Amino acid sequence: MADPLAEIVTLLQPGAPFSKIARASGAWRVQRTEVGQVYYGLMISGSARLEVGGKPAIILRQGDFVLVPAIQDFTMSSLDPAPPAGLYSQPVMQADGTARIGSPDAPVEVEQLIGYCRFGSPDATLLVALLPDIVVVRGESRLGILATLVAEEARASRPARDVVLARLLEVLLIEAFRSTGERTASPGVLRGMGDDRLVVALRCMHADPARAWTVAELAREAGLSRSTFFTRFQREVGRPPMDYLTDWRITLAKDLLRRGRSLAEVAQRIGYGSTSAFSVAFSRQVGKPPARYAEELSLSAG
C-alpha cells in the first residue's frame, strides 16, 4: 500500500543543503529571514528559545531536534540570560567554519548544528501545506546521527555527492516527521496518518488516485459513517477529503508533465476520463491549462 508521507517527501525534492556549527554565549538573539529555505537544527549542548510565526515560544534543550519545513521567518535567542528588547546578534564566521554568536572570548554556553535545504519541487508550497508547520523531537538519537551525516556529506566532495545528499535529506525529513507525535502535529497528512481510521483512506487515495473515489467509498474503507468520516478528515487533515484528493491528483499531474508524459496519459493515470475533463480540472487548480503548463516547462528547460 502507498505511503503518503514518503511520496510527499520524495516529490518535495530536498537538496542543496548548507550546514554549520553555531556556538553562542551570553545574551543573544538571531532572526532567520532567508525565505525559501527549510531549517533544521540539533541542540548539541545548552538551551535556547525558539519563536516561530507568532506561536508560543518553544524551549530547546540538549539533544532536541527541530525542523521548520514551512517558508517563514523565526527567531532564536538565549534563555538565560534573556536578551534585551531590540537586540539582534550577527553571527561571525570563524576560521574553522563555525559561527560565533555573542562575545568571542566568553565560554561557549550553547552549541547547535544548524542546517538549511531547499525543496526543488515547483509544488513545494502545496506539498508543505500537507505537513506540520514545525516539528520538535526530543531525545531521538537517530535524528542527531542523520543530521551529522548530512553535514559531513555537504562539506565533502565525494563521488555521487548530490545523489547521496538527496537520499540522506529524504531520510532525515521522514524520520523527523514520523518521530513527532502525530496527534500533537498541526492538521495535515501526518496527523491524518496518526488516526487508525483515516490512514486507511489516505493510503487508498495514494495507492489508486485514478479511481473515482467518493466520500461514501472512502468512509466505508475507513470503517466510518459518511458524516463522521468527512468531519474527522477535515479536522485532522485540514481539508475535505475530495479537496485533498484533487490537490494530490494535480500534484501528480504536474510531476508527470515535467517528466514529458502526454496529456492523454496524465489524464488516464490520475483518474480523468478525457483530456478535456483533465484540462478543466487542471486549469481550475493551477490557473492555466496543462498544455500551456507543459509548454512553459519546456521553454524554461531549454
Protein backbone atom coordinates (compact mmCIF):
# COMPACT_ATOMS: atom_id res chain seq x y z
CA MET A 1 0.00 0.00 0.00
CA ALA A 2 1.24 3.50 -0.82
CA ASP A 3 2.89 5.59 1.89
CA PRO A 4 1.60 9.19 1.67
CA LEU A 5 4.42 10.67 3.77
CA ALA A 6 7.16 9.03 1.71
CA GLU A 7 5.52 10.13 -1.54
CA ILE A 8 5.19 13.73 -0.38
CA VAL A 9 8.80 13.97 0.83
CA THR A 10 10.11 12.40 -2.40
CA LEU A 11 8.11 14.84 -4.55
CA LEU A 12 9.44 17.77 -2.50
CA GLN A 13 12.92 17.03 -3.93
CA PRO A 14 15.01 18.21 -0.95
CA GLY A 15 18.51 19.27 -1.87
CA ALA A 16 21.20 21.97 -1.98
CA PRO A 17 21.93 21.78 1.76
CA PHE A 18 24.12 24.03 3.84
CA SER A 19 25.12 23.29 7.42
CA LYS A 20 27.32 24.74 10.13
CA ILE A 21 28.08 24.57 13.82
CA ALA A 22 26.94 27.66 15.74
CA ARG A 23 28.30 28.48 19.18
CA ALA A 24 26.84 31.17 21.42
CA SER A 25 27.42 32.78 24.78
CA GLY A 26 25.81 35.49 26.89
CA ALA A 27 22.65 37.26 25.78
CA TRP A 28 21.86 36.88 22.05
CA ARG A 29 19.06 36.81 19.52
CA VAL A 30 19.25 35.82 15.85
CA GLN A 31 16.47 36.11 13.31
CA ARG A 32 16.11 33.99 10.19
CA THR A 33 14.88 35.84 7.15
CA GLU A 34 16.05 33.52 4.33
CA VAL A 35 12.71 32.83 2.70
CA GLY A 36 12.62 29.75 0.55
CA GLN A 37 14.86 27.68 2.80
CA VAL A 38 13.92 24.81 5.10
CA TYR A 39 15.56 24.99 8.53
CA TYR A 40 16.61 22.17 10.81
CA GLY A 41 18.74 22.21 13.94
CA LEU A 42 20.18 19.90 16.55
CA MET A 43 20.95 21.19 20.05
CA ILE A 44 24.36 19.73 20.86
CA SER A 45 24.60 21.48 24.23
CA GLY A 46 22.87 24.19 26.22
CA SER A 47 19.37 25.54 25.64
CA ALA A 48 17.62 28.24 23.59
CA ARG A 49 14.24 29.81 22.94
CA LEU A 50 12.61 29.37 19.51
CA GLU A 51 9.73 31.58 18.32
CA VAL A 52 8.02 30.78 15.01
CA GLY A 53 5.21 32.72 13.36
CA GLY A 54 3.67 34.20 16.48
CA LYS A 55 3.21 30.80 18.12
CA PRO A 56 4.11 30.21 21.79
CA ALA A 57 7.86 30.03 22.36
CA ILE A 58 9.49 26.59 22.37
CA ILE A 59 12.38 25.80 24.69
CA LEU A 60 15.04 23.64 23.05
CA ARG A 61 17.48 21.69 25.20
CA GLN A 62 20.41 19.38 24.63
CA GLY A 63 19.52 16.54 22.26
CA ASP A 64 16.42 18.25 20.82
CA PHE A 65 15.91 18.35 17.05
CA VAL A 66 13.75 20.98 15.34
CA LEU A 67 12.52 21.19 11.75
CA VAL A 68 10.69 24.14 10.20
CA PRO A 69 9.55 22.99 6.73
CA ALA A 70 7.28 25.96 6.02
CA ILE A 71 8.86 29.01 4.42
CA GLN A 72 8.73 31.57 7.20
CA ASP A 73 10.93 33.68 9.44
CA PHE A 74 11.67 32.78 13.02
CA THR A 75 13.74 33.97 15.97
CA MET A 76 16.07 32.02 18.24
CA SER A 77 17.52 33.55 21.39
CA SER A 78 19.36 32.85 24.62
CA LEU A 79 17.32 31.51 27.50
CA ASP A 80 19.38 32.64 30.46
CA PRO A 81 20.22 35.47 30.28
CA ALA A 82 17.32 36.60 28.13
CA PRO A 83 18.33 39.18 25.50
CA PRO A 84 17.17 42.77 25.99
CA ALA A 85 14.46 44.12 23.69
CA GLY A 86 15.80 45.23 20.34
CA LEU A 87 18.99 43.15 20.49
CA TYR A 88 19.78 41.22 17.30
CA SER A 89 23.10 39.42 17.08
CA GLN A 90 25.12 38.96 13.92
CA PRO A 91 26.85 35.56 13.73
CA VAL A 92 30.54 35.86 12.89
CA MET A 93 32.14 33.10 10.84
CA GLN A 94 35.34 31.69 12.31
CA ALA A 95 38.39 30.33 10.51
CA ASP A 96 37.31 26.76 11.30
CA GLY A 97 33.94 27.26 9.55
CA THR A 98 31.86 27.59 12.73
CA ALA A 99 29.65 30.58 13.50
CA ARG A 100 30.16 32.52 16.74
CA ILE A 101 27.32 34.41 18.39
CA GLY A 102 27.95 36.77 21.28
CA SER A 103 31.32 37.55 22.82
CA PRO A 104 34.03 35.51 21.04
CA ASP A 105 36.10 35.38 24.23
CA ALA A 106 33.34 34.15 26.56
CA PRO A 107 32.90 30.45 27.34
CA VAL A 108 30.59 28.65 24.93
CA GLU A 109 27.19 28.07 26.55
CA VAL A 110 25.15 26.88 23.56
CA GLU A 111 26.24 24.73 20.62
CA GLN A 112 24.00 23.80 17.70
CA LEU A 113 24.26 22.00 14.39
CA ILE A 114 22.24 24.20 12.02
CA GLY A 115 21.21 23.20 8.53
CA TYR A 116 19.27 24.63 5.62
CA CYS A 117 18.00 22.97 2.48
CA ARG A 118 15.67 23.79 -0.39
CA PHE A 119 12.71 21.94 -1.82
CA GLY A 120 13.24 21.66 -5.55
CA SER A 121 9.63 20.93 -6.41
CA PRO A 122 7.66 23.79 -8.01
CA ASP A 123 4.75 22.47 -5.94
CA ALA A 124 6.61 22.80 -2.64
CA THR A 125 4.13 25.28 -1.18
CA LEU A 126 1.20 22.93 -1.81
CA LEU A 127 3.07 19.89 -0.51
CA VAL A 128 4.41 21.65 2.59
CA ALA A 129 0.84 22.69 3.42
CA LEU A 130 0.10 18.99 3.95
CA LEU A 131 2.81 18.74 6.63
CA PRO A 132 3.18 20.15 10.16
CA ASP A 133 4.49 23.74 10.16
CA ILE A 134 7.06 22.89 12.85
CA VAL A 135 8.44 19.63 14.21
CA VAL A 136 10.24 19.26 17.55
CA VAL A 137 11.63 15.87 18.51
CA ARG A 138 13.22 15.35 21.91
CA GLY A 139 15.82 12.74 22.78
CA GLU A 140 15.87 10.85 19.46
CA SER A 141 19.50 9.94 18.74
CA ARG A 142 18.78 8.73 15.19
CA LEU A 143 18.00 12.28 14.09
CA GLY A 144 21.29 13.52 15.51
CA ILE A 145 23.16 10.85 13.57
CA LEU A 146 21.32 11.67 10.34
CA ALA A 147 21.83 15.43 10.72
CA THR A 148 25.55 14.84 11.28
CA LEU A 149 25.78 12.61 8.20
CA VAL A 150 24.09 15.32 6.10
CA ALA A 151 26.52 17.93 7.41
CA GLU A 152 29.55 15.74 6.69
CA GLU A 153 28.39 14.88 3.18
CA ALA A 154 27.55 18.50 2.37
CA ARG A 155 31.10 19.58 3.20
CA ALA A 156 32.78 16.76 1.27
CA SER A 157 33.48 16.38 -2.44
CA ARG A 158 32.87 12.68 -2.84
CA PRO A 159 31.59 10.93 -5.98
CA ALA A 160 27.78 10.94 -6.32
CA ARG A 161 27.60 13.57 -3.56
CA ASP A 162 24.32 15.14 -4.77
CA VAL A 163 22.58 11.77 -5.04
CA VAL A 164 23.71 10.74 -1.55
CA LEU A 165 22.65 14.10 -0.10
CA ALA A 166 19.21 13.89 -1.68
CA ARG A 167 18.62 10.44 -0.18
CA LEU A 168 20.01 11.46 3.23
CA LEU A 169 17.78 14.54 3.33
CA GLU A 170 14.74 12.47 2.42
CA VAL A 171 15.51 10.04 5.25
CA LEU A 172 16.17 12.91 7.67
CA LEU A 173 12.84 14.57 6.86
CA ILE A 174 10.85 11.34 7.03
CA GLU A 175 12.48 10.38 10.33
CA ALA A 176 11.72 13.84 11.76
CA PHE A 177 8.08 13.73 10.71
CA ARG A 178 7.43 10.20 11.93
CA SER A 179 9.29 10.78 15.21
CA THR A 180 6.96 13.58 16.23
CA GLY A 181 3.67 12.72 17.89
CA GLU A 182 1.09 12.53 15.11
CA ARG A 183 -1.68 13.50 17.47
CA THR A 184 0.13 16.69 18.53
CA ALA A 185 1.06 17.77 14.99
CA SER A 186 -0.80 20.58 13.30
CA PRO A 187 -3.57 19.47 10.89
CA GLY A 188 -2.12 17.74 7.85
CA VAL A 189 -1.33 14.38 6.35
CA LEU A 190 0.91 13.43 9.29
CA ARG A 191 -1.92 13.89 11.78
CA GLY A 192 -4.25 12.04 9.45
CA MET A 193 -1.83 9.12 9.33
CA GLY A 194 -1.88 9.03 13.11
CA ASP A 195 -5.60 8.23 13.00
CA ASP A 196 -6.05 4.48 12.59
CA ARG A 197 -9.22 5.00 10.52
CA LEU A 198 -8.21 7.95 8.35
CA VAL A 199 -4.85 6.43 7.45
CA VAL A 200 -6.69 3.67 5.58
CA ALA A 201 -8.48 6.24 3.40
CA LEU A 202 -5.28 8.22 2.83
CA ARG A 203 -3.42 5.11 1.72
CA CYS A 204 -6.29 4.22 -0.63
CA MET A 205 -6.19 7.62 -2.31
CA HIS A 206 -2.41 7.47 -2.74
CA ALA A 207 -2.40 3.85 -3.89
CA ASP A 208 -5.04 4.40 -6.58
CA PRO A 209 -5.50 8.13 -7.36
CA ALA A 210 -7.13 7.26 -10.70
CA ARG A 211 -10.08 5.56 -9.06
CA ALA A 212 -13.33 7.53 -8.98
CA TRP A 213 -13.39 7.74 -5.20
CA THR A 214 -16.40 9.16 -3.41
CA VAL A 215 -16.69 10.27 0.20
CA ALA A 216 -19.00 7.32 0.83
CA GLU A 217 -16.48 4.81 -0.55
CA LEU A 218 -13.59 6.29 1.42
CA ALA A 219 -15.73 6.32 4.57
CA ARG A 220 -16.52 2.65 4.01
CA GLU A 221 -12.80 1.84 3.63
CA ALA A 222 -12.15 3.71 6.89
CA GLY A 223 -14.97 1.92 8.68
CA LEU A 224 -16.83 5.14 9.48
CA SER A 225 -20.15 6.69 8.59
CA ARG A 226 -20.03 9.21 5.77
CA SER A 227 -20.68 12.22 8.00
CA THR A 228 -18.25 11.11 10.73
CA PHE A 229 -15.53 10.42 8.16
CA PHE A 230 -16.00 13.79 6.44
CA THR A 231 -15.89 15.76 9.70
CA ARG A 232 -12.95 13.78 11.10
CA PHE A 233 -10.94 14.02 7.89
CA GLN A 234 -11.41 17.77 7.62
CA ARG A 235 -10.47 18.27 11.28
CA GLU A 236 -7.34 16.08 11.21
CA VAL A 237 -6.04 16.65 7.66
CA GLY A 238 -7.13 20.26 7.42
CA ARG A 239 -9.25 20.00 4.26
CA PRO A 240 -12.22 17.97 2.95
CA PRO A 241 -11.32 14.54 1.53
CA MET A 242 -12.25 15.38 -2.06
CA ASP A 243 -10.20 18.59 -1.94
CA TYR A 244 -7.23 16.59 -0.67
CA LEU A 245 -7.67 14.03 -3.46
CA THR A 246 -7.93 16.74 -6.13
CA ASP A 247 -4.81 18.51 -4.82
CA TRP A 248 -2.90 15.24 -4.83
CA ARG A 249 -4.02 14.37 -8.35
CA ILE A 250 -2.95 17.77 -9.69
CA THR A 251 0.39 17.47 -7.91
CA LEU A 252 0.93 14.10 -9.57
CA ALA A 253 -0.15 15.59 -12.91
CA LYS A 254 2.44 18.35 -12.64
CA ASP A 255 5.13 15.82 -11.86
CA LEU A 256 4.13 13.66 -14.85
CA LEU A 257 4.06 16.68 -17.17
CA ARG A 258 7.55 17.63 -16.02
CA ARG A 259 8.61 14.12 -16.99
CA GLY A 260 7.30 14.66 -20.53
CA ARG A 261 4.18 12.49 -20.36
CA SER A 262 1.38 13.23 -22.83
CA LEU A 263 -1.87 14.89 -21.72
CA ALA A 264 -3.81 11.71 -22.52
CA GLU A 265 -1.51 9.56 -20.39
CA VAL A 266 -1.57 12.01 -17.50
CA ALA A 267 -5.36 12.27 -17.60
CA GLN A 268 -5.71 8.49 -17.51
CA ARG A 269 -3.18 7.99 -14.71
CA ILE A 270 -4.82 10.45 -12.33
CA GLY A 271 -8.43 9.49 -12.97
CA TYR A 272 -9.91 11.73 -15.65
CA GLY A 273 -11.86 10.08 -18.45
CA SER A 274 -10.77 12.55 -21.11
CA THR A 275 -8.11 15.17 -21.76
CA SER A 276 -10.80 17.85 -21.81
CA ALA A 277 -12.06 16.95 -18.33
CA PHE A 278 -8.45 16.87 -17.11
CA SER A 279 -7.75 20.27 -18.70
CA VAL A 280 -10.75 21.84 -16.98
CA ALA A 281 -9.75 20.46 -13.56
CA PHE A 282 -6.09 21.39 -14.04
CA SER A 283 -6.91 24.93 -15.19
CA ARG A 284 -9.21 25.43 -12.21
CA GLN A 285 -6.45 24.45 -9.77
CA VAL A 286 -3.36 25.87 -11.47
CA GLY A 287 -4.76 28.86 -13.36
CA LYS A 288 -3.59 27.68 -16.76
CA PRO A 289 -4.31 24.66 -18.98
CA PRO A 290 -1.93 21.70 -18.77
CA ALA A 291 -0.75 22.15 -22.38
CA ARG A 292 0.47 25.66 -21.59
CA TYR A 293 1.99 24.48 -18.30
CA ALA A 294 3.94 21.79 -20.18
CA GLU A 295 5.00 24.27 -22.87
CA GLU A 296 6.32 26.72 -20.27
CA LEU A 297 8.24 23.90 -18.61
CA SER A 298 9.82 23.03 -21.95
CA LEU A 299 10.80 26.64 -22.63
CA SER A 300 12.33 27.11 -19.18
CA ALA A 301 14.30 23.88 -19.53
CA GLY A 302 15.58 24.94 -22.93
